[in-house]
Amino acid sequence: MSVMLVIITVVFAVAALLTVWRIIIGPSILDRAVAADVLLTLVICVLGAEMAINHHTRTLPLLLIVAAVGVFGSISIARFVARRDGDGR
């Protein structure tokens, strides 16, 4: 079981580092927005994996809050980019 935990931790850590790298280098705001969504998805996956490994649901409210922040953030960025590109809506 401990070997599997190490593998899971390494995979999530590498994915998070690559995602943060994409947020830093961009090049566009949409690339950064997608990377931020991926990072939030990774956080959700880590929380879900932690709940499954430890057999509890105590972090479920946090998981739902992070998911809501991701959805509302994506909608906000999409509206901002649409206005900036001259969509006019």
N, C-alpha and C. Protein backbone atom coordinates (compact mmCIF):
# COMPACT_ATOMS: atom_id res chain seq x y z
N MET A 1 0.82 -1.19 0.00
CA MET A 1 0.00 0.00 0.00
C MET A 1 0.87 1.26 0.00
N SER A 2 1.97 1.27 0.74
CA SER A 2 2.81 2.46 0.82
C SER A 2 3.49 2.77 -0.52
N VAL A 3 3.82 1.75 -1.30
CA VAL A 3 4.42 1.97 -2.62
C VAL A 3 3.42 2.66 -3.53
N MET A 4 2.16 2.24 -3.45
CA MET A 4 1.13 2.85 -4.26
C MET A 4 0.91 4.32 -3.86
N LEU A 5 0.98 4.61 -2.58
CA LEU A 5 0.83 6.00 -2.12
C LEU A 5 1.96 6.88 -2.64
N VAL A 6 3.16 6.34 -2.65
CA VAL A 6 4.30 7.10 -3.17
C VAL A 6 4.12 7.38 -4.66
N ILE A 7 3.69 6.38 -5.40
CA ILE A 7 3.47 6.55 -6.84
C ILE A 7 2.38 7.58 -7.10
N ILE A 8 1.29 7.49 -6.36
CA ILE A 8 0.20 8.46 -6.52
C ILE A 8 0.68 9.87 -6.19
N THR A 9 1.44 10.01 -5.12
CA THR A 9 1.95 11.32 -4.72
C THR A 9 2.88 11.90 -5.77
N VAL A 10 3.75 11.08 -6.32
CA VAL A 10 4.68 11.54 -7.34
C VAL A 10 3.93 11.98 -8.60
N VAL A 11 2.95 11.20 -9.02
CA VAL A 11 2.19 11.53 -10.22
C VAL A 11 1.44 12.85 -10.04
N PHE A 12 0.77 13.02 -8.90
CA PHE A 12 0.05 14.27 -8.66
C PHE A 12 1.02 15.44 -8.54
N ALA A 13 2.17 15.25 -7.93
CA ALA A 13 3.14 16.33 -7.78
C ALA A 13 3.71 16.76 -9.13
N VAL A 14 4.05 15.80 -9.97
CA VAL A 14 4.57 16.13 -11.30
C VAL A 14 3.50 16.85 -12.13
N ALA A 15 2.28 16.37 -12.07
CA ALA A 15 1.20 17.02 -12.81
C ALA A 15 0.98 18.44 -12.31
N ALA A 16 1.03 18.64 -11.01
CA ALA A 16 0.84 19.98 -10.45
C ALA A 16 1.99 20.91 -10.86
N LEU A 17 3.21 20.43 -10.83
CA LEU A 17 4.35 21.26 -11.23
C LEU A 17 4.27 21.65 -12.71
N LEU A 18 3.91 20.70 -13.57
CA LEU A 18 3.76 21.02 -14.99
C LEU A 18 2.62 22.01 -15.22
N THR A 19 1.57 21.89 -14.45
CA THR A 19 0.44 22.81 -14.58
C THR A 19 0.82 24.21 -14.12
N VAL A 20 1.53 24.30 -13.00
CA VAL A 20 1.99 25.61 -12.53
C VAL A 20 2.95 26.23 -13.55
N TRP A 21 3.78 25.42 -14.16
CA TRP A 21 4.67 25.91 -15.20
C TRP A 21 3.88 26.50 -16.36
N ARG A 22 2.80 25.86 -16.76
CA ARG A 22 1.95 26.38 -17.84
C ARG A 22 1.28 27.68 -17.43
N ILE A 23 0.90 27.79 -16.16
CA ILE A 23 0.30 29.03 -15.69
C ILE A 23 1.32 30.16 -15.75
N ILE A 24 2.56 29.87 -15.43
CA ILE A 24 3.61 30.90 -15.42
C ILE A 24 3.98 31.35 -16.82
N ILE A 25 4.20 30.40 -17.75
CA ILE A 25 4.71 30.78 -19.06
C ILE A 25 3.62 31.15 -20.06
N GLY A 26 2.40 30.85 -19.78
CA GLY A 26 1.28 31.26 -20.63
C GLY A 26 1.19 30.53 -21.94
N PRO A 27 1.23 31.12 -23.06
CA PRO A 27 1.47 32.52 -23.40
C PRO A 27 0.21 33.40 -23.37
N SER A 28 -0.97 32.84 -23.50
CA SER A 28 -2.18 33.67 -23.51
C SER A 28 -2.96 33.46 -22.22
N ILE A 29 -3.94 34.33 -22.03
CA ILE A 29 -4.76 34.23 -20.83
C ILE A 29 -5.61 32.96 -20.86
N LEU A 30 -5.99 32.51 -22.06
CA LEU A 30 -6.77 31.27 -22.14
C LEU A 30 -5.93 30.06 -21.76
N ASP A 31 -4.65 30.06 -22.13
CA ASP A 31 -3.76 28.97 -21.70
C ASP A 31 -3.65 28.93 -20.19
N ARG A 32 -3.52 30.10 -19.60
CA ARG A 32 -3.43 30.18 -18.14
C ARG A 32 -4.73 29.76 -17.48
N ALA A 33 -5.87 30.12 -18.08
CA ALA A 33 -7.17 29.73 -17.52
C ALA A 33 -7.36 28.22 -17.57
N VAL A 34 -7.00 27.62 -18.68
CA VAL A 34 -7.12 26.16 -18.79
C VAL A 34 -6.20 25.48 -17.79
N ALA A 35 -4.99 26.00 -17.63
CA ALA A 35 -4.06 25.42 -16.66
C ALA A 35 -4.58 25.58 -15.24
N ALA A 36 -5.20 26.71 -14.95
CA ALA A 36 -5.78 26.89 -13.61
C ALA A 36 -6.92 25.90 -13.37
N ASP A 37 -7.72 25.64 -14.41
CA ASP A 37 -8.78 24.63 -14.28
C ASP A 37 -8.19 23.24 -14.05
N VAL A 38 -7.11 22.94 -14.75
CA VAL A 38 -6.45 21.65 -14.55
C VAL A 38 -5.90 21.54 -13.14
N LEU A 39 -5.33 22.64 -12.63
CA LEU A 39 -4.81 22.62 -11.26
C LEU A 39 -5.92 22.41 -10.24
N LEU A 40 -7.06 23.06 -10.44
CA LEU A 40 -8.19 22.84 -9.54
C LEU A 40 -8.70 21.40 -9.65
N THR A 41 -8.69 20.86 -10.84
CA THR A 41 -9.09 19.46 -11.02
C THR A 41 -8.13 18.53 -10.29
N LEU A 42 -6.84 18.85 -10.33
CA LEU A 42 -5.87 18.05 -9.59
C LEU A 42 -6.12 18.13 -8.08
N VAL A 43 -6.46 19.30 -7.60
CA VAL A 43 -6.77 19.45 -6.17
C VAL A 43 -7.99 18.59 -5.82
N ILE A 44 -8.99 18.61 -6.67
CA ILE A 44 -10.18 17.79 -6.44
C ILE A 44 -9.82 16.30 -6.43
N CYS A 45 -8.97 15.90 -7.37
CA CYS A 45 -8.55 14.49 -7.42
C CYS A 45 -7.75 14.09 -6.18
N VAL A 46 -6.88 14.99 -5.73
CA VAL A 46 -6.10 14.70 -4.52
C VAL A 46 -7.02 14.56 -3.32
N LEU A 47 -7.97 15.47 -3.19
CA LEU A 47 -8.92 15.38 -2.07
C LEU A 47 -9.74 14.09 -2.14
N GLY A 48 -10.18 13.73 -3.34
CA GLY A 48 -10.93 12.49 -3.51
C GLY A 48 -10.09 11.26 -3.20
N ALA A 49 -8.84 11.28 -3.65
CA ALA A 49 -7.95 10.15 -3.35
C ALA A 49 -7.68 10.04 -1.85
N GLU A 50 -7.52 11.19 -1.20
CA GLU A 50 -7.28 11.18 0.24
C GLU A 50 -8.50 10.62 0.98
N MET A 51 -9.69 10.99 0.53
CA MET A 51 -10.90 10.45 1.16
C MET A 51 -11.01 8.94 0.95
N ALA A 52 -10.67 8.48 -0.24
CA ALA A 52 -10.76 7.05 -0.53
C ALA A 52 -9.72 6.25 0.26
N ILE A 53 -8.52 6.80 0.37
CA ILE A 53 -7.45 6.09 1.08
C ILE A 53 -7.74 6.01 2.57
N ASN A 54 -8.22 7.10 3.14
CA ASN A 54 -8.46 7.15 4.58
C ASN A 54 -9.88 6.78 4.99
N HIS A 55 -10.72 6.42 4.04
CA HIS A 55 -12.08 5.94 4.30
C HIS A 55 -12.91 6.92 5.13
N HIS A 56 -13.01 8.15 4.64
CA HIS A 56 -13.85 9.15 5.31
C HIS A 56 -14.43 10.11 4.28
N THR A 57 -15.34 10.96 4.72
CA THR A 57 -15.92 11.98 3.85
C THR A 57 -15.83 13.37 4.48
N ARG A 58 -14.92 13.57 5.39
CA ARG A 58 -14.80 14.86 6.09
C ARG A 58 -14.41 16.00 5.16
N THR A 59 -13.67 15.73 4.11
CA THR A 59 -13.23 16.79 3.21
C THR A 59 -14.17 17.00 2.03
N LEU A 60 -15.31 16.37 2.04
CA LEU A 60 -16.27 16.52 0.95
C LEU A 60 -16.75 17.97 0.80
N PRO A 61 -17.06 18.71 1.89
CA PRO A 61 -17.44 20.12 1.69
C PRO A 61 -16.34 20.95 1.02
N LEU A 62 -15.09 20.70 1.39
CA LEU A 62 -13.98 21.40 0.75
C LEU A 62 -13.89 21.05 -0.73
N LEU A 63 -14.10 19.81 -1.05
CA LEU A 63 -14.09 19.36 -2.44
C LEU A 63 -15.17 20.08 -3.24
N LEU A 64 -16.35 20.21 -2.68
CA LEU A 64 -17.44 20.89 -3.37
C LEU A 64 -17.17 22.38 -3.54
N ILE A 65 -16.55 23.01 -2.55
CA ILE A 65 -16.20 24.43 -2.65
C ILE A 65 -15.16 24.65 -3.74
N VAL A 66 -14.15 23.80 -3.80
CA VAL A 66 -13.12 23.93 -4.83
C VAL A 66 -13.73 23.74 -6.21
N ALA A 67 -14.65 22.81 -6.35
CA ALA A 67 -15.32 22.59 -7.64
C ALA A 67 -16.15 23.82 -8.03
N ALA A 68 -16.84 24.41 -7.08
CA ALA A 68 -17.64 25.60 -7.38
C ALA A 68 -16.75 26.77 -7.78
N VAL A 69 -15.63 26.95 -7.10
CA VAL A 69 -14.70 28.02 -7.45
C VAL A 69 -14.19 27.81 -8.88
N GLY A 70 -13.91 26.58 -9.24
CA GLY A 70 -13.45 26.29 -10.59
C GLY A 70 -14.47 26.63 -11.65
N VAL A 71 -15.71 26.27 -11.41
CA VAL A 71 -16.78 26.55 -12.37
C VAL A 71 -16.99 28.06 -12.51
N PHE A 72 -17.11 28.75 -11.38
CA PHE A 72 -17.35 30.19 -11.44
C PHE A 72 -16.16 30.94 -12.01
N GLY A 73 -14.97 30.48 -11.72
CA GLY A 73 -13.78 31.10 -12.29
C GLY A 73 -13.71 30.93 -13.80
N SER A 74 -14.05 29.75 -14.29
CA SER A 74 -14.05 29.51 -15.74
C SER A 74 -15.07 30.38 -16.44
N ILE A 75 -16.24 30.50 -15.85
CA ILE A 75 -17.28 31.34 -16.44
C ILE A 75 -16.84 32.79 -16.46
N SER A 76 -16.24 33.26 -15.39
CA SER A 76 -15.78 34.65 -15.32
C SER A 76 -14.71 34.94 -16.36
N ILE A 77 -13.77 34.04 -16.51
CA ILE A 77 -12.70 34.24 -17.49
C ILE A 77 -13.26 34.21 -18.90
N ALA A 78 -14.19 33.31 -19.16
CA ALA A 78 -14.79 33.24 -20.50
C ALA A 78 -15.54 34.54 -20.83
N ARG A 79 -16.25 35.08 -19.86
CA ARG A 79 -16.96 36.34 -20.10
C ARG A 79 -15.98 37.50 -20.30
N PHE A 80 -14.90 37.51 -19.53
CA PHE A 80 -13.89 38.56 -19.67
C PHE A 80 -13.24 38.51 -21.04
N VAL A 81 -12.86 37.33 -21.49
CA VAL A 81 -12.21 37.19 -22.79
C VAL A 81 -13.17 37.54 -23.91
N ALA A 82 -14.44 37.17 -23.77
CA ALA A 82 -15.43 37.50 -24.80
C ALA A 82 -15.60 39.01 -24.91
N ARG A 83 -15.62 39.71 -23.79
CA ARG A 83 -15.75 41.17 -23.83
C ARG A 83 -14.49 41.81 -24.41
N ARG A 84 -13.33 41.28 -24.03
CA ARG A 84 -12.08 41.86 -24.49
C ARG A 84 -11.89 41.67 -25.98
N ASP A 85 -12.39 40.56 -26.51
CA ASP A 85 -12.24 40.29 -27.95
C ASP A 85 -13.28 41.03 -28.78
N GLY A 86 -14.14 41.81 -28.13
CA GLY A 86 -15.09 42.62 -28.88
C GLY A 86 -16.37 41.91 -29.23
N ASP A 87 -16.74 40.90 -28.45
CA ASP A 87 -17.98 40.18 -28.74
C ASP A 87 -19.18 41.09 -28.48
N GLY A 88 -19.08 41.95 -27.45
CA GLY A 88 -20.13 42.92 -27.19
C GLY A 88 -21.31 42.42 -26.40
N ARG A 89 -21.30 41.22 -25.93
CA ARG A 89 -22.45 40.72 -25.18
C ARG A 89 -22.36 41.02 -23.72
